[in-house]
N, C-alpha and C. Protein backbone atom coordinates (compact mmCIF):
# COMPACT_ATOMS: atom_id res chain seq x y z
N UNK A 1 50.90 91.67 -137.74
CA UNK A 1 52.23 92.04 -138.08
C UNK A 1 52.97 90.73 -138.15
N UNK A 2 53.74 90.47 -139.39
CA UNK A 2 54.40 89.31 -139.55
C UNK A 2 55.77 89.11 -138.66
N UNK A 3 56.10 87.92 -138.47
CA UNK A 3 57.41 87.74 -137.74
C UNK A 3 58.52 88.00 -138.78
N UNK A 4 59.61 88.65 -138.14
CA UNK A 4 60.75 88.85 -139.11
C UNK A 4 61.38 87.54 -139.52
N UNK A 5 61.87 87.65 -140.86
CA UNK A 5 62.68 86.56 -141.37
C UNK A 5 63.99 86.61 -141.13
N UNK A 6 64.49 85.34 -140.51
CA UNK A 6 65.90 85.14 -140.14
C UNK A 6 66.73 85.00 -141.27
N UNK A 7 67.74 85.73 -141.58
CA UNK A 7 68.76 85.53 -142.72
C UNK A 7 69.66 84.42 -142.13
N UNK A 8 70.16 84.88 -140.93
CA UNK A 8 71.20 83.76 -140.25
C UNK A 8 70.85 83.68 -138.74
N UNK A 9 70.91 82.57 -138.10
CA UNK A 9 70.86 82.36 -136.70
C UNK A 9 71.91 81.55 -136.07
N UNK A 10 72.15 81.91 -134.78
CA UNK A 10 73.11 81.24 -134.00
C UNK A 10 72.65 81.01 -132.47
N UNK A 11 72.70 79.78 -132.13
CA UNK A 11 72.22 79.44 -130.72
C UNK A 11 73.35 80.10 -129.76
N UNK A 12 72.61 80.53 -128.69
CA UNK A 12 73.40 81.17 -127.52
C UNK A 12 73.27 80.40 -126.48
N UNK A 13 74.40 80.21 -125.67
CA UNK A 13 74.55 79.27 -124.50
C UNK A 13 75.06 80.01 -123.51
N UNK A 14 74.47 79.53 -122.01
CA UNK A 14 74.89 80.14 -120.82
C UNK A 14 75.33 78.96 -120.05
N UNK A 15 76.54 78.98 -119.72
CA UNK A 15 77.13 77.79 -118.89
C UNK A 15 77.02 76.54 -119.76
N UNK A 16 77.25 76.63 -121.03
CA UNK A 16 76.91 75.41 -121.95
C UNK A 16 75.58 74.91 -122.20
N UNK A 17 74.55 75.72 -121.53
CA UNK A 17 73.01 75.27 -121.65
C UNK A 17 72.54 76.32 -122.69
N UNK A 18 71.95 75.66 -123.78
CA UNK A 18 71.30 76.55 -124.63
C UNK A 18 70.08 77.55 -123.96
N UNK A 19 70.33 78.86 -124.15
CA UNK A 19 69.34 79.61 -123.50
C UNK A 19 68.57 80.42 -124.58
N UNK A 20 69.03 80.68 -125.64
CA UNK A 20 68.35 81.49 -126.61
C UNK A 20 68.92 81.50 -128.08
N UNK A 21 68.44 82.42 -128.99
CA UNK A 21 68.85 82.29 -130.19
C UNK A 21 69.20 83.87 -130.70
N UNK A 22 70.47 84.01 -131.34
CA UNK A 22 70.60 85.47 -131.86
C UNK A 22 70.30 85.36 -133.42
N UNK A 23 69.63 86.18 -133.93
CA UNK A 23 69.27 86.22 -135.41
C UNK A 23 69.59 87.46 -136.05
N UNK A 24 69.98 87.32 -137.23
CA UNK A 24 70.22 88.35 -138.16
C UNK A 24 68.96 88.54 -138.95
N UNK A 25 68.28 89.61 -138.99
CA UNK A 25 66.98 89.63 -139.54
C UNK A 25 67.09 90.87 -140.73
N UNK A 26 66.10 91.05 -141.44
CA UNK A 26 66.05 92.00 -142.26
C UNK A 26 66.28 93.48 -141.92
N UNK A 27 65.68 93.74 -140.87
CA UNK A 27 65.79 95.03 -140.12
C UNK A 27 66.85 95.20 -139.11
N UNK A 28 67.85 94.18 -138.84
CA UNK A 28 68.87 94.24 -138.00
C UNK A 28 68.98 92.97 -137.19
N UNK A 29 68.81 93.05 -136.07
CA UNK A 29 69.20 91.63 -135.23
C UNK A 29 68.05 91.61 -134.18
N UNK A 30 67.95 90.06 -133.69
CA UNK A 30 66.95 89.79 -132.87
C UNK A 30 67.66 88.74 -131.90
N UNK A 31 67.12 88.96 -130.57
CA UNK A 31 67.69 87.89 -129.57
C UNK A 31 66.41 87.44 -128.91
N UNK A 32 66.17 86.14 -128.72
CA UNK A 32 65.17 85.72 -127.96
C UNK A 32 65.56 84.51 -127.01
N UNK A 33 65.02 84.50 -125.90
CA UNK A 33 65.29 83.45 -125.00
C UNK A 33 64.30 82.32 -125.26
N UNK A 34 64.96 81.15 -125.14
CA UNK A 34 64.12 79.73 -125.30
C UNK A 34 63.18 79.75 -124.22
N UNK A 35 62.01 79.08 -124.71
CA UNK A 35 60.91 78.91 -123.60
C UNK A 35 61.44 77.99 -122.48
N UNK A 36 62.10 76.98 -122.75
CA UNK A 36 62.82 76.09 -121.81
C UNK A 36 63.65 76.69 -120.93
N UNK A 37 64.39 77.67 -121.44
CA UNK A 37 65.32 78.48 -120.37
C UNK A 37 64.57 79.31 -119.58
N UNK A 38 63.68 80.03 -120.03
CA UNK A 38 62.64 80.87 -119.30
C UNK A 38 61.84 79.93 -118.09
N UNK A 39 61.58 78.72 -118.38
CA UNK A 39 60.85 78.09 -117.44
C UNK A 39 61.63 77.45 -116.34
N UNK A 40 63.07 77.50 -116.50
CA UNK A 40 63.88 76.94 -115.50
C UNK A 40 64.05 77.95 -114.35
N UNK A 41 63.91 77.46 -113.17
CA UNK A 41 63.99 78.15 -111.95
C UNK A 41 65.36 78.91 -111.69
N UNK A 42 66.32 78.18 -112.22
CA UNK A 42 67.71 78.49 -112.13
C UNK A 42 68.29 79.56 -113.29
N UNK A 43 67.46 79.77 -114.27
CA UNK A 43 67.78 80.50 -115.31
C UNK A 43 68.26 81.90 -114.90
N UNK A 44 69.16 82.57 -115.70
CA UNK A 44 69.68 83.89 -115.41
C UNK A 44 69.78 84.45 -116.68
N UNK A 45 69.72 85.76 -116.69
CA UNK A 45 69.83 86.71 -118.02
C UNK A 45 71.27 86.47 -118.50
N UNK A 46 71.43 86.72 -119.96
CA UNK A 46 72.78 86.72 -120.21
C UNK A 46 73.47 87.88 -120.04
N UNK A 47 72.72 89.01 -119.89
CA UNK A 47 73.26 90.33 -119.55
C UNK A 47 72.14 91.23 -118.74
N UNK A 48 72.64 92.12 -117.98
CA UNK A 48 71.73 92.96 -117.27
C UNK A 48 70.90 93.72 -118.26
N UNK A 49 71.39 94.04 -119.44
CA UNK A 49 70.64 94.80 -120.43
C UNK A 49 69.66 94.08 -121.13
N UNK A 50 69.62 92.63 -120.90
CA UNK A 50 68.75 91.97 -121.51
C UNK A 50 68.00 90.88 -120.50
N UNK A 51 67.14 91.47 -119.54
CA UNK A 51 66.62 90.68 -118.51
C UNK A 51 65.61 89.50 -119.25
N UNK A 52 65.43 88.43 -118.36
CA UNK A 52 64.56 87.45 -119.00
C UNK A 52 63.36 87.95 -119.26
N UNK A 53 62.82 87.46 -120.52
CA UNK A 53 61.38 87.79 -120.92
C UNK A 53 60.99 86.95 -122.22
N UNK A 54 59.82 86.73 -122.41
CA UNK A 54 59.59 85.98 -123.50
C UNK A 54 59.55 86.68 -124.86
N UNK A 55 59.33 87.92 -124.82
CA UNK A 55 59.34 88.88 -125.94
C UNK A 55 60.83 89.03 -126.60
N UNK A 56 60.99 88.94 -127.78
CA UNK A 56 62.22 89.19 -128.38
C UNK A 56 62.68 90.69 -128.32
N UNK A 57 63.97 90.59 -128.18
CA UNK A 57 64.64 91.91 -128.11
C UNK A 57 65.21 92.22 -129.64
N UNK A 58 64.84 93.29 -129.99
CA UNK A 58 65.23 93.71 -131.51
C UNK A 58 65.95 95.06 -131.44
N UNK A 59 67.01 95.17 -132.48
CA UNK A 59 67.81 96.11 -132.60
C UNK A 59 68.28 96.51 -134.13
N UNK A 60 68.49 97.63 -134.61
CA UNK A 60 68.94 97.78 -135.88
C UNK A 60 70.45 97.44 -136.06
N UNK A 61 70.97 97.56 -134.83
CA UNK A 61 72.49 97.34 -134.76
C UNK A 61 72.68 96.14 -133.89
N UNK A 62 73.84 95.53 -134.02
CA UNK A 62 74.14 94.24 -133.06
C UNK A 62 74.31 94.74 -131.67
N UNK A 63 73.60 93.97 -130.75
CA UNK A 63 73.45 94.48 -129.35
C UNK A 63 74.94 94.63 -128.84
N UNK A 64 75.09 95.72 -128.01
CA UNK A 64 76.44 96.01 -127.34
C UNK A 64 76.91 94.65 -126.54
N UNK A 65 75.95 94.08 -125.88
CA UNK A 65 76.33 92.91 -125.09
C UNK A 65 77.31 92.07 -126.00
N UNK A 66 76.69 91.55 -127.23
CA UNK A 66 77.22 90.57 -127.98
C UNK A 66 78.62 91.30 -128.63
N UNK A 67 78.58 92.34 -128.94
CA UNK A 67 79.86 93.16 -129.36
C UNK A 67 80.83 93.07 -128.47
N UNK A 68 80.48 93.03 -127.15
CA UNK A 68 81.41 92.99 -126.18
C UNK A 68 82.26 91.72 -125.91
N UNK A 69 81.77 90.55 -126.72
CA UNK A 69 82.22 89.40 -126.65
C UNK A 69 83.35 89.17 -127.65
N UNK A 70 83.45 90.09 -128.57
CA UNK A 70 84.51 90.03 -129.66
C UNK A 70 85.85 90.59 -129.13
N UNK A 71 86.97 89.88 -129.71
CA UNK A 71 88.29 90.31 -129.38
C UNK A 71 88.36 91.69 -129.93
N UNK A 72 89.48 92.43 -129.44
CA UNK A 72 89.83 93.67 -129.94
C UNK A 72 91.30 93.69 -130.27
N UNK A 73 91.54 95.01 -131.17
CA UNK A 73 92.84 95.11 -131.56
C UNK A 73 93.55 94.01 -132.45
N UNK A 74 94.77 93.93 -131.96
CA UNK A 74 95.66 92.88 -132.90
C UNK A 74 95.02 91.51 -132.80
N UNK A 75 94.34 91.10 -131.77
CA UNK A 75 93.79 89.66 -131.61
C UNK A 75 92.71 89.72 -132.79
N UNK A 76 91.89 90.71 -132.83
CA UNK A 76 90.80 90.69 -133.73
C UNK A 76 91.34 90.73 -135.24
N UNK A 77 92.38 91.46 -135.40
CA UNK A 77 93.08 91.64 -136.65
C UNK A 77 93.55 90.11 -137.12
N UNK A 78 94.30 89.60 -136.27
CA UNK A 78 94.88 88.17 -136.58
C UNK A 78 93.72 87.24 -136.77
N UNK A 79 92.64 87.22 -136.11
CA UNK A 79 91.63 86.32 -136.15
C UNK A 79 90.86 86.44 -137.58
N UNK A 80 90.77 87.73 -137.67
CA UNK A 80 90.07 87.95 -139.30
C UNK A 80 90.89 87.49 -140.42
N UNK A 81 92.15 87.67 -140.33
CA UNK A 81 93.23 87.29 -141.31
C UNK A 81 93.29 85.76 -141.25
N UNK A 82 93.31 85.32 -140.23
CA UNK A 82 93.51 83.70 -140.24
C UNK A 82 92.29 83.00 -140.74
N UNK A 83 91.15 83.51 -140.30
CA UNK A 83 89.74 82.63 -140.79
C UNK A 83 89.22 83.40 -142.04
N UNK A 84 89.95 84.29 -142.69
CA UNK A 84 89.51 85.03 -143.86
C UNK A 84 88.19 85.43 -143.60
N UNK A 85 87.99 86.39 -142.69
CA UNK A 85 86.56 86.98 -142.27
C UNK A 85 86.66 88.36 -142.69
N UNK A 86 85.56 88.79 -143.14
CA UNK A 86 85.38 90.40 -143.23
C UNK A 86 84.85 91.08 -142.08
N UNK A 87 85.79 92.13 -141.71
CA UNK A 87 85.31 92.96 -140.53
C UNK A 87 83.90 93.49 -140.70
N UNK A 88 83.46 93.82 -141.99
CA UNK A 88 82.13 94.28 -142.09
C UNK A 88 81.06 93.47 -141.94
N UNK A 89 81.22 91.89 -141.66
CA UNK A 89 80.26 91.06 -141.51
C UNK A 89 80.26 90.69 -140.01
N UNK A 90 79.83 91.60 -139.11
CA UNK A 90 80.01 91.60 -137.71
C UNK A 90 79.27 90.17 -137.06
N UNK A 91 78.02 89.91 -137.59
CA UNK A 91 77.45 88.84 -137.28
C UNK A 91 78.21 87.45 -137.41
N UNK A 92 78.78 87.21 -138.81
CA UNK A 92 79.53 86.10 -139.09
C UNK A 92 80.86 86.23 -138.17
N UNK A 93 81.56 87.26 -137.95
CA UNK A 93 82.71 87.45 -137.06
C UNK A 93 82.50 86.89 -135.65
N UNK A 94 81.25 87.45 -135.06
CA UNK A 94 80.78 87.05 -133.62
C UNK A 94 80.49 85.72 -133.81
N UNK A 95 79.69 84.95 -134.68
CA UNK A 95 79.51 83.61 -134.65
C UNK A 95 80.87 82.62 -134.81
N UNK A 96 81.72 83.20 -135.73
CA UNK A 96 83.05 82.38 -135.69
C UNK A 96 83.91 82.46 -134.67
N UNK A 97 83.91 83.72 -133.89
CA UNK A 97 84.99 83.80 -132.89
C UNK A 97 84.58 83.63 -131.44
N UNK A 98 83.14 83.46 -131.26
CA UNK A 98 82.66 83.45 -129.83
C UNK A 98 81.93 82.08 -129.51
N UNK A 99 82.70 81.13 -129.92
CA UNK A 99 82.21 79.65 -129.65
C UNK A 99 82.68 79.18 -128.19
N UNK A 100 83.92 79.79 -127.87
CA UNK A 100 84.62 79.56 -126.63
C UNK A 100 85.11 80.79 -125.84
N UNK A 101 84.17 81.48 -125.28
CA UNK A 101 84.29 83.04 -124.63
C UNK A 101 84.84 82.61 -123.22
N UNK A 102 85.34 83.73 -122.77
CA UNK A 102 85.99 83.63 -121.48
C UNK A 102 84.90 83.60 -120.37
N UNK A 103 83.76 84.35 -120.58
CA UNK A 103 82.75 84.21 -119.62
C UNK A 103 81.75 83.13 -119.94
N UNK A 104 80.61 83.28 -119.11
CA UNK A 104 79.68 82.18 -119.30
C UNK A 104 78.79 81.99 -120.40
N UNK A 105 78.88 83.21 -121.46
CA UNK A 105 77.98 83.00 -122.65
C UNK A 105 79.04 82.58 -123.83
N UNK A 106 78.40 81.83 -124.69
CA UNK A 106 79.22 81.37 -125.87
C UNK A 106 78.17 81.11 -126.89
N UNK A 107 78.59 81.16 -128.14
CA UNK A 107 77.70 80.95 -129.27
C UNK A 107 77.91 79.65 -130.01
N UNK A 108 76.79 79.01 -130.75
CA UNK A 108 77.17 77.81 -131.51
C UNK A 108 77.32 77.95 -132.78
N UNK A 109 76.92 76.91 -133.58
CA UNK A 109 76.97 76.73 -135.08
C UNK A 109 75.80 77.76 -135.69
N UNK A 110 76.24 78.42 -136.77
CA UNK A 110 75.43 79.37 -137.32
C UNK A 110 74.40 78.56 -138.25
N UNK A 111 73.26 78.79 -138.35
CA UNK A 111 72.18 78.27 -139.46
C UNK A 111 71.72 79.35 -140.42
N UNK A 112 71.47 78.81 -141.68
CA UNK A 112 71.14 79.88 -142.48
C UNK A 112 69.71 79.51 -143.13
């Protein structure tokens, strides 16, 4: 079986340390923890729904944990208008708006 080809990727950080990569793939989305993060004795999962493991997490829809990082309501509407983003591009919106989140998890620059 061949590896899924990433359309876009964004690094994921936990307490400002790179812990994994979220990818948009042909069949949906994939999140994988970095091997260095898994080797760290102090490593924590980004979510209880995504425990530490070497195997990628795959989903046809964006993982609920990542959707939970997005602002809601009027703040989302204002952010979309200000940054000229399409609400239909959930991955792009997530990458643009979640670089400095309230919690321990944040996202970095998107690569294509």
